[in-house]
Amino acid sequence: MTEEPDAARLKALEARIAHVKGRPQKVKAENGGAFSQGEMAWRMVIELVSGLLLGLSIGFGLDYVFGTRPIFLVIFVLLGFVAGVRTMLRTAHTMTPAYDKTNGGRTPDNDEGNDV
């Protein structure tokens, strides 16, 4: 009683649904692939957390080796946080289109510009 679905009809239906919904904007990666906004957000969260964890582990290790109170832990957690934020900002910079001063701030993708 069950029939196999028609693959061509399913693909046409998926294409129509995608056209009506509108696909999420993709961001071009350095290697030519494309990432969605959500994937880029998770990447930025992971970059921040990994910077913090790396600073935490280095600081804890130095405090353990030298037998000091958590002075190195505090210093390296702060340095890890700064490194994570810098990495996040670098990732965010790759997501935004380049600002074109010669065209009044307009880019080929964004024709709104800065109307001053």
C-alpha atoms as a PDB file:
ATOM      1  CA  MET A   1       0.000   0.000   0.000  1.00  0.00           C
ATOM      2  CA  THR A   2       2.935   2.376   0.580  1.00  0.00           C
ATOM      3  CA  GLU A   3       4.547   3.796  -2.511  1.00  0.00           C
ATOM      4  CA  GLU A   4       8.053   5.125  -2.884  1.00  0.00           C
ATOM      5  CA  PRO A   5       8.009   8.937  -2.989  1.00  0.00           C
ATOM      6  CA  ASP A   6       8.837  10.566  -6.292  1.00  0.00           C
ATOM      7  CA  ALA A   7      12.325  12.051  -5.896  1.00  0.00           C
ATOM      8  CA  ALA A   8      11.823  14.740  -8.528  1.00  0.00           C
ATOM      9  CA  ARG A   9       8.608  15.951  -6.911  1.00  0.00           C
ATOM     10  CA  LEU A  10      10.254  16.032  -3.465  1.00  0.00           C
ATOM     11  CA  LYS A  11      13.179  18.089  -4.765  1.00  0.00           C
ATOM     12  CA  ALA A  12      10.799  20.510  -6.473  1.00  0.00           C
ATOM     13  CA  LEU A  13       8.797  20.830  -3.248  1.00  0.00           C
ATOM     14  CA  GLU A  14      11.967  21.458  -1.208  1.00  0.00           C
ATOM     15  CA  ALA A  15      13.054  24.101  -3.712  1.00  0.00           C
ATOM     16  CA  ARG A  16       9.711  25.875  -3.486  1.00  0.00           C
ATOM     17  CA  ILE A  17       9.746  25.765   0.332  1.00  0.00           C
ATOM     18  CA  ALA A  18      13.301  27.115   0.409  1.00  0.00           C
ATOM     19  CA  HIS A  19      12.340  29.890  -1.997  1.00  0.00           C
ATOM     20  CA  VAL A  20       9.325  30.903   0.115  1.00  0.00           C
ATOM     21  CA  LYS A  21      11.184  30.766   3.436  1.00  0.00           C
ATOM     22  CA  GLY A  22      14.362  32.326   2.138  1.00  0.00           C
ATOM     23  CA  ARG A  23      17.667  30.709   2.897  1.00  0.00           C
ATOM     24  CA  PRO A  24      19.762  31.996   5.798  1.00  0.00           C
ATOM     25  CA  GLN A  25      22.611  34.181   4.707  1.00  0.00           C
ATOM     26  CA  LYS A  26      25.841  32.265   4.187  1.00  0.00           C
ATOM     27  CA  VAL A  27      29.276  33.660   4.969  1.00  0.00           C
ATOM     28  CA  LYS A  28      32.174  32.750   2.709  1.00  0.00           C
ATOM     29  CA  ALA A  29      35.026  31.026   4.486  1.00  0.00           C
ATOM     30  CA  GLU A  30      38.687  31.418   3.644  1.00  0.00           C
ATOM     31  CA  ASN A  31      38.749  27.988   2.014  1.00  0.00           C
ATOM     32  CA  GLY A  32      35.835  28.799  -0.305  1.00  0.00           C
ATOM     33  CA  GLY A  33      33.085  27.089   1.696  1.00  0.00           C
ATOM     34  CA  ALA A  34      30.112  28.894   3.176  1.00  0.00           C
ATOM     35  CA  PHE A  35      28.980  29.056   6.804  1.00  0.00           C
ATOM     36  CA  SER A  36      25.621  30.133   8.186  1.00  0.00           C
ATOM     37  CA  GLN A  37      25.322  32.865  10.794  1.00  0.00           C
ATOM     38  CA  GLY A  38      24.625  30.289  13.512  1.00  0.00           C
ATOM     39  CA  GLU A  39      27.746  28.324  12.663  1.00  0.00           C
ATOM     40  CA  MET A  40      29.818  31.487  12.809  1.00  0.00           C
ATOM     41  CA  ALA A  41      28.279  32.392  16.194  1.00  0.00           C
ATOM     42  CA  TRP A  42      29.160  28.974  17.626  1.00  0.00           C
ATOM     43  CA  ARG A  43      32.667  29.326  16.214  1.00  0.00           C
ATOM     44  CA  MET A  44      33.071  32.641  18.032  1.00  0.00           C
ATOM     45  CA  VAL A  45      31.784  31.168  21.319  1.00  0.00           C
ATOM     46  CA  ILE A  46      34.198  28.249  21.014  1.00  0.00           C
ATOM     47  CA  GLU A  47      37.086  30.639  20.304  1.00  0.00           C
ATOM     48  CA  LEU A  48      36.326  32.626  23.463  1.00  0.00           C
ATOM     49  CA  VAL A  49      35.919  29.555  25.685  1.00  0.00           C
ATOM     50  CA  SER A  50      39.055  27.901  24.321  1.00  0.00           C
ATOM     51  CA  GLY A  51      41.071  31.066  25.014  1.00  0.00           C
ATOM     52  CA  LEU A  52      39.776  31.123  28.585  1.00  0.00           C
ATOM     53  CA  LEU A  53      40.482  27.425  29.144  1.00  0.00           C
ATOM     54  CA  LEU A  54      43.963  27.692  27.697  1.00  0.00           C
ATOM     55  CA  GLY A  55      44.764  30.653  29.951  1.00  0.00           C
ATOM     56  CA  LEU A  56      43.252  28.839  32.925  1.00  0.00           C
ATOM     57  CA  SER A  57      45.345  25.721  32.353  1.00  0.00           C
ATOM     58  CA  ILE A  58      48.587  27.625  31.800  1.00  0.00           C
ATOM     59  CA  GLY A  59      48.019  29.773  34.897  1.00  0.00           C
ATOM     60  CA  PHE A  60      47.096  26.785  37.043  1.00  0.00           C
ATOM     61  CA  GLY A  61      50.157  24.884  35.810  1.00  0.00           C
ATOM     62  CA  LEU A  62      52.527  27.752  36.557  1.00  0.00           C
ATOM     63  CA  ASP A  63      51.016  28.225  40.017  1.00  0.00           C
ATOM     64  CA  TYR A  64      51.440  24.512  40.695  1.00  0.00           C
ATOM     65  CA  VAL A  65      55.056  24.452  39.474  1.00  0.00           C
ATOM     66  CA  PHE A  66      56.150  27.552  41.363  1.00  0.00           C
ATOM     67  CA  GLY A  67      53.986  26.921  44.435  1.00  0.00           C
ATOM     68  CA  THR A  68      52.488  30.390  44.332  1.00  0.00           C
ATOM     69  CA  ARG A  69      49.027  31.543  45.172  1.00  0.00           C
ATOM     70  CA  PRO A  70      46.713  31.967  42.198  1.00  0.00           C
ATOM     71  CA  ILE A  71      48.495  35.017  40.807  1.00  0.00           C
ATOM     72  CA  PHE A  72      49.465  33.290  37.551  1.00  0.00           C
ATOM     73  CA  LEU A  73      45.975  31.818  37.293  1.00  0.00           C
ATOM     74  CA  VAL A  74      44.381  35.270  37.397  1.00  0.00           C
ATOM     75  CA  ILE A  75      46.908  36.777  35.005  1.00  0.00           C
ATOM     76  CA  PHE A  76      46.637  34.014  32.412  1.00  0.00           C
ATOM     77  CA  VAL A  77      42.834  33.799  32.611  1.00  0.00           C
ATOM     78  CA  LEU A  78      42.723  37.510  31.788  1.00  0.00           C
ATOM     79  CA  LEU A  79      45.242  37.034  28.974  1.00  0.00           C
ATOM     80  CA  GLY A  80      43.220  34.095  27.652  1.00  0.00           C
ATOM     81  CA  PHE A  81      40.069  36.212  27.727  1.00  0.00           C
ATOM     82  CA  VAL A  82      41.799  38.996  25.786  1.00  0.00           C
ATOM     83  CA  ALA A  83      43.136  36.488  23.247  1.00  0.00           C
ATOM     84  CA  GLY A  84      39.671  34.957  22.846  1.00  0.00           C
ATOM     85  CA  VAL A  85      38.037  38.342  22.308  1.00  0.00           C
ATOM     86  CA  ARG A  86      40.681  39.319  19.747  1.00  0.00           C
ATOM     87  CA  THR A  87      40.104  36.072  17.879  1.00  0.00           C
ATOM     88  CA  MET A  88      36.340  36.652  17.992  1.00  0.00           C
ATOM     89  CA  LEU A  89      36.778  40.153  16.601  1.00  0.00           C
ATOM     90  CA  ARG A  90      38.981  38.830  13.804  1.00  0.00           C
ATOM     91  CA  THR A  91      36.268  36.300  12.933  1.00  0.00           C
ATOM     92  CA  ALA A  92      33.595  38.998  13.032  1.00  0.00           C
ATOM     93  CA  HIS A  93      35.742  41.152  10.762  1.00  0.00           C
ATOM     94  CA  THR A  94      35.865  38.377   8.159  1.00  0.00           C
ATOM     95  CA  MET A  95      32.057  38.184   8.262  1.00  0.00           C
ATOM     96  CA  THR A  96      31.459  41.846   7.431  1.00  0.00           C
ATOM     97  CA  PRO A  97      31.911  43.160   3.898  1.00  0.00           C
ATOM     98  CA  ALA A  98      34.843  45.464   3.299  1.00  0.00           C
ATOM     99  CA  TYR A  99      34.132  49.162   3.638  1.00  0.00           C
ATOM    100  CA  ASP A 100      34.783  50.876   0.337  1.00  0.00           C
ATOM    101  CA  LYS A 101      35.794  54.519   0.882  1.00  0.00           C
ATOM    102  CA  THR A 102      35.809  55.296  -2.834  1.00  0.00           C
ATOM    103  CA  ASN A 103      32.156  54.300  -3.239  1.00  0.00           C
ATOM    104  CA  GLY A 104      30.758  56.174  -0.254  1.00  0.00           C
ATOM    105  CA  GLY A 105      30.607  53.059   1.924  1.00  0.00           C
ATOM    106  CA  ARG A 106      28.629  51.074  -0.602  1.00  0.00           C
ATOM    107  CA  THR A 107      29.676  47.547  -1.392  1.00  0.00           C
ATOM    108  CA  PRO A 108      28.369  45.404  -4.245  1.00  0.00           C
ATOM    109  CA  ASP A 109      26.298  43.390  -1.740  1.00  0.00           C
ATOM    110  CA  ASN A 110      25.074  46.406   0.223  1.00  0.00           C
ATOM    111  CA  ASP A 111      23.889  49.322  -1.897  1.00  0.00           C
ATOM    112  CA  GLU A 112      22.457  51.297   1.031  1.00  0.00           C
ATOM    113  CA  GLY A 113      25.682  53.068   1.995  1.00  0.00           C
ATOM    114  CA  ASN A 114      26.023  55.950   4.407  1.00  0.00           C
ATOM    115  CA  ASP A 115      23.785  58.827   3.413  1.00  0.00           C
ATOM    116  CA  VAL A 116      25.233  61.724   5.354  1.00  0.00           C
END
